[in-house]
Amino acid sequence: QNPHKSATDKILMQVASFLRRELPIRLAHRIQDLDRVPYMREMSSVVGVKQLYTQSFLELADFANTIDTPGLEQDFSDLVETIYERHSRVLVQMAQGAYELRHAIMDHNSNLPEYTKGVRFDELDSTHAFLDRFYLCRIGIRVLIGQYLALRQPPVENYVGIICSQTSPYEIVKRAIDDAAFMCTRKYGDAPDVFVTGKLEQTF
């Protein structure tokens, strides 16, 4: 066991090997979605996201199929960390793509098909379903990568990677309340009081 890492080299190689197989599959599915989604695929921000995913897919596909040495595992972690950082702004880019689509629909001089003229953005059910699916799958990819990278860091009490073994639902709810109160106060000048009851000390 390396005292500077949360997991042994053997476990890290096993996790890296799993990600080497799994990540290209997940990225390929997202690339297909980005290529097929009506209207949004034409937006420049969405085209940029597709290029990011394609670049990451190709880099993973070019990596060794078998990760069976600490050196290869180190190289793989460097690649995955680069991908993790590269994709950090995807959420903002997709939101920009939705903004671009909204304005393209309102612009009668846009290059969208004629039958989209007069259609409201909030009526595009397939586009909203795509965004929901894309964001959910993005979370899954980032959790997998985040857990692997965290296992390479020094151990933290009550944590295995990014997974906390003493999670407090109350603390999570309290942070959400504080965030909501901050936004409410900024927008309206005040926020209602929120009271949480139950077994506040419970952890799992």
C-alpha atoms as a PDB file:
ATOM      1  CA  GLN A   1       0.000   0.000   0.000  1.00  0.00           C
ATOM      2  CA  ASN A   2       1.373   3.390  -1.039  1.00  0.00           C
ATOM      3  CA  PRO A   3       0.811   5.797   1.903  1.00  0.00           C
ATOM      4  CA  HIS A   4       0.372   8.646  -0.578  1.00  0.00           C
ATOM      5  CA  LYS A   5      -2.544   6.934  -2.320  1.00  0.00           C
ATOM      6  CA  SER A   6      -5.911   5.651  -1.101  1.00  0.00           C
ATOM      7  CA  ALA A   7      -5.642   2.413  -3.090  1.00  0.00           C
ATOM      8  CA  THR A   8      -2.968  -0.151  -3.913  1.00  0.00           C
ATOM      9  CA  ASP A   9      -1.271  -0.211  -7.304  1.00  0.00           C
ATOM     10  CA  LYS A  10      -3.162  -3.408  -8.109  1.00  0.00           C
ATOM     11  CA  ILE A  11      -6.539  -1.819  -7.428  1.00  0.00           C
ATOM     12  CA  LEU A  12      -5.594   1.293  -9.397  1.00  0.00           C
ATOM     13  CA  MET A  13      -4.603  -0.839 -12.401  1.00  0.00           C
ATOM     14  CA  GLN A  14      -7.915  -2.707 -12.158  1.00  0.00           C
ATOM     15  CA  VAL A  15      -9.914   0.535 -12.024  1.00  0.00           C
ATOM     16  CA  ALA A  16      -7.877   2.033 -14.861  1.00  0.00           C
ATOM     17  CA  SER A  17      -8.479  -1.074 -16.987  1.00  0.00           C
ATOM     18  CA  PHE A  18     -12.217  -0.804 -16.351  1.00  0.00           C
ATOM     19  CA  LEU A  19     -12.233   2.870 -17.351  1.00  0.00           C
ATOM     20  CA  ARG A  20     -10.142   2.107 -20.452  1.00  0.00           C
ATOM     21  CA  ARG A  21     -12.974  -0.153 -21.602  1.00  0.00           C
ATOM     22  CA  GLU A  22     -15.941   1.833 -20.276  1.00  0.00           C
ATOM     23  CA  LEU A  23     -15.152   5.468 -21.052  1.00  0.00           C
ATOM     24  CA  PRO A  24     -14.827   5.097 -24.857  1.00  0.00           C
ATOM     25  CA  ILE A  25     -18.242   3.403 -24.922  1.00  0.00           C
ATOM     26  CA  ARG A  26     -19.883   6.180 -22.934  1.00  0.00           C
ATOM     27  CA  LEU A  27     -18.199   8.904 -24.951  1.00  0.00           C
ATOM     28  CA  ALA A  28     -19.217   7.229 -28.222  1.00  0.00           C
ATOM     29  CA  HIS A  29     -22.856   7.211 -27.110  1.00  0.00           C
ATOM     30  CA  ARG A  30     -22.687  10.918 -26.284  1.00  0.00           C
ATOM     31  CA  ILE A  31     -21.062  11.673 -29.653  1.00  0.00           C
ATOM     32  CA  GLN A  32     -23.902   9.838 -31.397  1.00  0.00           C
ATOM     33  CA  ASP A  33     -26.466  11.792 -29.380  1.00  0.00           C
ATOM     34  CA  LEU A  34     -24.783  15.088 -30.226  1.00  0.00           C
ATOM     35  CA  ASP A  35     -24.746  14.131 -33.895  1.00  0.00           C
ATOM     36  CA  ARG A  36     -28.427  13.157 -33.983  1.00  0.00           C
ATOM     37  CA  VAL A  37     -30.222  15.694 -31.802  1.00  0.00           C
ATOM     38  CA  PRO A  38     -32.484  17.833 -34.006  1.00  0.00           C
ATOM     39  CA  TYR A  39     -31.647  21.522 -34.371  1.00  0.00           C
ATOM     40  CA  MET A  40     -29.122  21.719 -31.515  1.00  0.00           C
ATOM     41  CA  ARG A  41     -26.491  19.821 -33.478  1.00  0.00           C
ATOM     42  CA  GLU A  42     -26.211  22.867 -35.739  1.00  0.00           C
ATOM     43  CA  MET A  43     -25.346  25.254 -32.899  1.00  0.00           C
ATOM     44  CA  SER A  44     -21.674  26.246 -32.747  1.00  0.00           C
ATOM     45  CA  SER A  45     -21.347  25.585 -29.018  1.00  0.00           C
ATOM     46  CA  VAL A  46     -22.767  22.073 -29.421  1.00  0.00           C
ATOM     47  CA  VAL A  47     -20.443  21.420 -32.365  1.00  0.00           C
ATOM     48  CA  GLY A  48     -17.584  22.420 -30.051  1.00  0.00           C
ATOM     49  CA  VAL A  49     -18.742  19.960 -27.385  1.00  0.00           C
ATOM     50  CA  LYS A  50     -18.913  17.180 -29.963  1.00  0.00           C
ATOM     51  CA  GLN A  51     -15.339  17.964 -30.995  1.00  0.00           C
ATOM     52  CA  LEU A  52     -14.210  17.727 -27.353  1.00  0.00           C
ATOM     53  CA  TYR A  53     -15.883  14.351 -26.913  1.00  0.00           C
ATOM     54  CA  THR A  54     -14.451  13.094 -30.191  1.00  0.00           C
ATOM     55  CA  GLN A  55     -10.936  14.165 -29.224  1.00  0.00           C
ATOM     56  CA  SER A  56     -11.229  12.426 -25.846  1.00  0.00           C
ATOM     57  CA  PHE A  57     -12.641   9.278 -27.459  1.00  0.00           C
ATOM     58  CA  LEU A  58      -9.762   9.074 -29.944  1.00  0.00           C
ATOM     59  CA  GLU A  59      -7.139   9.611 -27.229  1.00  0.00           C
ATOM     60  CA  LEU A  60      -8.623   6.807 -25.127  1.00  0.00           C
ATOM     61  CA  ALA A  61      -8.935   4.526 -28.141  1.00  0.00           C
ATOM     62  CA  ASP A  62      -5.237   5.055 -28.906  1.00  0.00           C
ATOM     63  CA  PHE A  63      -4.181   4.100 -25.380  1.00  0.00           C
ATOM     64  CA  ALA A  64      -2.915   0.589 -24.614  1.00  0.00           C
ATOM     65  CA  ASN A  65      -5.711  -1.960 -24.257  1.00  0.00           C
ATOM     66  CA  THR A  66      -4.084  -3.602 -21.238  1.00  0.00           C
ATOM     67  CA  ILE A  67      -2.996  -1.558 -18.218  1.00  0.00           C
ATOM     68  CA  ASP A  68      -0.830  -3.998 -16.283  1.00  0.00           C
ATOM     69  CA  THR A  69       2.054  -1.914 -14.948  1.00  0.00           C
ATOM     70  CA  PRO A  70       2.185   1.067 -12.535  1.00  0.00           C
ATOM     71  CA  GLY A  71       3.849   3.093 -15.299  1.00  0.00           C
ATOM     72  CA  LEU A  72       0.970   2.536 -17.714  1.00  0.00           C
ATOM     73  CA  GLU A  73      -1.497   3.292 -14.944  1.00  0.00           C
ATOM     74  CA  GLN A  74       0.292   6.582 -14.264  1.00  0.00           C
ATOM     75  CA  ASP A  75       0.156   7.492 -17.958  1.00  0.00           C
ATOM     76  CA  PHE A  76      -3.538   6.612 -18.077  1.00  0.00           C
ATOM     77  CA  SER A  77      -4.299   8.732 -15.027  1.00  0.00           C
ATOM     78  CA  ASP A  78      -2.550  11.694 -16.690  1.00  0.00           C
ATOM     79  CA  LEU A  79      -4.706  11.220 -19.788  1.00  0.00           C
ATOM     80  CA  VAL A  80      -7.919  10.875 -17.808  1.00  0.00           C
ATOM     81  CA  GLU A  81      -7.132  13.943 -15.721  1.00  0.00           C
ATOM     82  CA  THR A  82      -6.578  15.925 -18.921  1.00  0.00           C
ATOM     83  CA  ILE A  83      -9.953  14.736 -20.230  1.00  0.00           C
ATOM     84  CA  TYR A  84     -11.612  15.591 -16.904  1.00  0.00           C
ATOM     85  CA  GLU A  85     -10.303  19.164 -17.096  1.00  0.00           C
ATOM     86  CA  ARG A  86     -11.059  19.475 -20.814  1.00  0.00           C
ATOM     87  CA  HIS A  87     -14.718  18.650 -20.187  1.00  0.00           C
ATOM     88  CA  SER A  88     -15.079  20.953 -17.176  1.00  0.00           C
ATOM     89  CA  ARG A  89     -16.916  23.659 -19.180  1.00  0.00           C
ATOM     90  CA  VAL A  90     -19.225  21.336 -21.112  1.00  0.00           C
ATOM     91  CA  LEU A  91     -22.173  22.286 -18.900  1.00  0.00           C
ATOM     92  CA  VAL A  92     -21.712  25.957 -19.787  1.00  0.00           C
ATOM     93  CA  GLN A  93     -21.160  25.167 -23.467  1.00  0.00           C
ATOM     94  CA  MET A  94     -24.371  23.123 -23.684  1.00  0.00           C
ATOM     95  CA  ALA A  95     -26.297  25.915 -21.960  1.00  0.00           C
ATOM     96  CA  GLN A  96     -24.846  28.290 -24.543  1.00  0.00           C
ATOM     97  CA  GLY A  97     -25.990  25.905 -27.272  1.00  0.00           C
ATOM     98  CA  ALA A  98     -29.537  25.974 -25.889  1.00  0.00           C
ATOM     99  CA  TYR A  99     -29.367  29.779 -25.823  1.00  0.00           C
ATOM    100  CA  GLU A 100     -28.173  29.824 -29.436  1.00  0.00           C
ATOM    101  CA  LEU A 101     -31.018  27.522 -30.484  1.00  0.00           C
ATOM    102  CA  ARG A 102     -33.612  29.635 -28.700  1.00  0.00           C
ATOM    103  CA  HIS A 103     -32.469  32.723 -30.599  1.00  0.00           C
ATOM    104  CA  ALA A 104     -32.141  30.849 -33.897  1.00  0.00           C
ATOM    105  CA  ILE A 105     -35.778  29.768 -33.621  1.00  0.00           C
ATOM    106  CA  MET A 106     -36.835  33.360 -32.977  1.00  0.00           C
ATOM    107  CA  ASP A 107     -34.735  34.614 -35.904  1.00  0.00           C
ATOM    108  CA  HIS A 108     -36.614  34.247 -39.178  1.00  0.00           C
ATOM    109  CA  ASN A 109     -33.315  34.617 -41.047  1.00  0.00           C
ATOM    110  CA  SER A 110     -31.730  31.609 -39.375  1.00  0.00           C
ATOM    111  CA  ASN A 111     -30.608  28.514 -41.274  1.00  0.00           C
ATOM    112  CA  LEU A 112     -32.954  26.188 -39.395  1.00  0.00           C
ATOM    113  CA  PRO A 113     -35.582  24.254 -41.406  1.00  0.00           C
ATOM    114  CA  GLU A 114     -38.664  26.233 -42.380  1.00  0.00           C
ATOM    115  CA  TYR A 115     -40.951  24.072 -40.237  1.00  0.00           C
ATOM    116  CA  THR A 116     -39.179  25.250 -37.084  1.00  0.00           C
ATOM    117  CA  LYS A 117     -40.299  28.825 -37.682  1.00  0.00           C
ATOM    118  CA  GLY A 118     -42.787  29.851 -35.034  1.00  0.00           C
ATOM    119  CA  VAL A 119     -41.948  26.863 -32.823  1.00  0.00           C
ATOM    120  CA  ARG A 120     -41.200  27.776 -29.220  1.00  0.00           C
ATOM    121  CA  PHE A 121     -38.048  26.436 -27.596  1.00  0.00           C
ATOM    122  CA  ASP A 122     -39.995  25.014 -24.651  1.00  0.00           C
ATOM    123  CA  GLU A 123     -42.115  22.981 -27.114  1.00  0.00           C
ATOM    124  CA  LEU A 124     -39.120  21.009 -28.433  1.00  0.00           C
ATOM    125  CA  ASP A 125     -39.699  17.889 -26.332  1.00  0.00           C
ATOM    126  CA  SER A 126     -37.035  15.794 -28.069  1.00  0.00           C
ATOM    127  CA  THR A 127     -34.436  18.499 -27.435  1.00  0.00           C
ATOM    128  CA  HIS A 128     -35.288  18.705 -23.741  1.00  0.00           C
ATOM    129  CA  ALA A 129     -35.212  14.906 -23.445  1.00  0.00           C
ATOM    130  CA  PHE A 130     -31.793  14.923 -25.083  1.00  0.00           C
ATOM    131  CA  LEU A 131     -30.486  17.561 -22.658  1.00  0.00           C
ATOM    132  CA  ASP A 132     -31.796  15.628 -19.642  1.00  0.00           C
ATOM    133  CA  ARG A 133     -30.141  12.425 -20.884  1.00  0.00           C
ATOM    134  CA  PHE A 134     -26.904  14.188 -21.802  1.00  0.00           C
ATOM    135  CA  TYR A 135     -26.526  15.900 -18.430  1.00  0.00           C
ATOM    136  CA  LEU A 136     -27.317  12.703 -16.526  1.00  0.00           C
ATOM    137  CA  CYS A 137     -24.784  10.696 -18.516  1.00  0.00           C
ATOM    138  CA  ARG A 138     -22.200  13.458 -18.084  1.00  0.00           C
ATOM    139  CA  ILE A 139     -22.580  13.160 -14.312  1.00  0.00           C
ATOM    140  CA  GLY A 140     -21.944   9.406 -14.563  1.00  0.00           C
ATOM    141  CA  ILE A 141     -18.753   9.912 -16.572  1.00  0.00           C
ATOM    142  CA  ARG A 142     -17.413  12.557 -14.198  1.00  0.00           C
ATOM    143  CA  VAL A 143     -18.203  10.450 -11.120  1.00  0.00           C
ATOM    144  CA  LEU A 144     -16.290   7.490 -12.582  1.00  0.00           C
ATOM    145  CA  ILE A 145     -13.271   9.635 -13.432  1.00  0.00           C
ATOM    146  CA  GLY A 146     -13.454  11.591 -10.182  1.00  0.00           C
ATOM    147  CA  GLN A 147     -13.541   8.413  -8.104  1.00  0.00           C
ATOM    148  CA  TYR A 148     -10.519   6.977  -9.915  1.00  0.00           C
ATOM    149  CA  LEU A 149      -8.472  10.161  -9.568  1.00  0.00           C
ATOM    150  CA  ALA A 150      -9.419  10.488  -5.890  1.00  0.00           C
ATOM    151  CA  LEU A 151      -8.166   6.940  -5.230  1.00  0.00           C
ATOM    152  CA  ARG A 152      -4.740   8.125  -6.373  1.00  0.00           C
ATOM    153  CA  GLN A 153      -4.696  10.817  -3.670  1.00  0.00           C
ATOM    154  CA  PRO A 154      -3.693  10.452   0.024  1.00  0.00           C
ATOM    155  CA  PRO A 155      -6.388   8.835   2.191  1.00  0.00           C
ATOM    156  CA  VAL A 156      -8.991  11.089   3.791  1.00  0.00           C
ATOM    157  CA  GLU A 157     -10.803  10.004   6.944  1.00  0.00           C
ATOM    158  CA  ASN A 158     -14.292   8.555   6.305  1.00  0.00           C
ATOM    159  CA  TYR A 159     -13.759   8.671   2.527  1.00  0.00           C
ATOM    160  CA  VAL A 160     -13.056   6.041  -0.123  1.00  0.00           C
ATOM    161  CA  GLY A 161     -12.180   8.160  -3.114  1.00  0.00           C
ATOM    162  CA  ILE A 162     -15.037  10.644  -3.402  1.00  0.00           C
ATOM    163  CA  ILE A 163     -17.443   8.370  -1.514  1.00  0.00           C
ATOM    164  CA  CYS A 164     -18.107   9.391   2.091  1.00  0.00           C
ATOM    165  CA  SER A 165     -18.874   6.552   4.488  1.00  0.00           C
ATOM    166  CA  GLN A 166     -20.348   8.960   7.072  1.00  0.00           C
ATOM    167  CA  THR A 167     -22.660  11.051   4.911  1.00  0.00           C
ATOM    168  CA  SER A 168     -24.987  13.385   6.811  1.00  0.00           C
ATOM    169  CA  PRO A 169     -28.286  14.010   4.989  1.00  0.00           C
ATOM    170  CA  TYR A 170     -28.854  16.994   7.260  1.00  0.00           C
ATOM    171  CA  GLU A 171     -25.588  18.655   6.231  1.00  0.00           C
ATOM    172  CA  ILE A 172     -26.409  18.135   2.548  1.00  0.00           C
ATOM    173  CA  VAL A 173     -29.904  19.598   2.997  1.00  0.00           C
ATOM    174  CA  LYS A 174     -28.493  22.480   5.026  1.00  0.00           C
ATOM    175  CA  ARG A 175     -26.049  23.402   2.261  1.00  0.00           C
ATOM    176  CA  ALA A 176     -28.886  23.294  -0.282  1.00  0.00           C
ATOM    177  CA  ILE A 177     -30.988  25.554   1.964  1.00  0.00           C
ATOM    178  CA  ASP A 178     -28.110  28.009   2.356  1.00  0.00           C
ATOM    179  CA  ASP A 179     -27.549  28.116  -1.413  1.00  0.00           C
ATOM    180  CA  ALA A 180     -31.254  28.646  -2.119  1.00  0.00           C
ATOM    181  CA  ALA A 181     -31.507  31.324   0.577  1.00  0.00           C
ATOM    182  CA  PHE A 182     -28.524  33.159  -0.899  1.00  0.00           C
ATOM    183  CA  MET A 183     -30.048  33.221  -4.394  1.00  0.00           C
ATOM    184  CA  CYS A 184     -33.475  34.163  -3.050  1.00  0.00           C
ATOM    185  CA  THR A 185     -32.046  37.033  -1.002  1.00  0.00           C
ATOM    186  CA  ARG A 186     -30.006  38.268  -3.956  1.00  0.00           C
ATOM    187  CA  LYS A 187     -33.077  38.232  -6.202  1.00  0.00           C
ATOM    188  CA  TYR A 188     -35.852  39.322  -3.833  1.00  0.00           C
ATOM    189  CA  GLY A 189     -34.032  40.846  -0.872  1.00  0.00           C
ATOM    190  CA  ASP A 190     -35.222  38.212   1.613  1.00  0.00           C
ATOM    191  CA  ALA A 191     -35.623  34.455   2.031  1.00  0.00           C
ATOM    192  CA  PRO A 192     -38.076  32.366   4.075  1.00  0.00           C
ATOM    193  CA  ASP A 193     -36.909  30.427   7.099  1.00  0.00           C
ATOM    194  CA  VAL A 194     -36.556  26.668   6.607  1.00  0.00           C
ATOM    195  CA  PHE A 195     -36.768  24.235   9.521  1.00  0.00           C
ATOM    196  CA  VAL A 196     -35.428  20.685   9.252  1.00  0.00           C
ATOM    197  CA  THR A 197     -36.694  18.074  11.682  1.00  0.00           C
ATOM    198  CA  GLY A 198     -35.976  14.423  12.311  1.00  0.00           C
ATOM    199  CA  LYS A 199     -32.819  12.517  13.225  1.00  0.00           C
ATOM    200  CA  LEU A 200     -30.394  15.268  12.280  1.00  0.00           C
ATOM    201  CA  GLU A 201     -27.400  13.310  13.565  1.00  0.00           C
ATOM    202  CA  GLN A 202     -28.050  10.332  11.274  1.00  0.00           C
ATOM    203  CA  THR A 203     -25.215   9.345   8.927  1.00  0.00           C
ATOM    204  CA  PHE A 204     -24.711   6.519   6.461  1.00  0.00           C
END
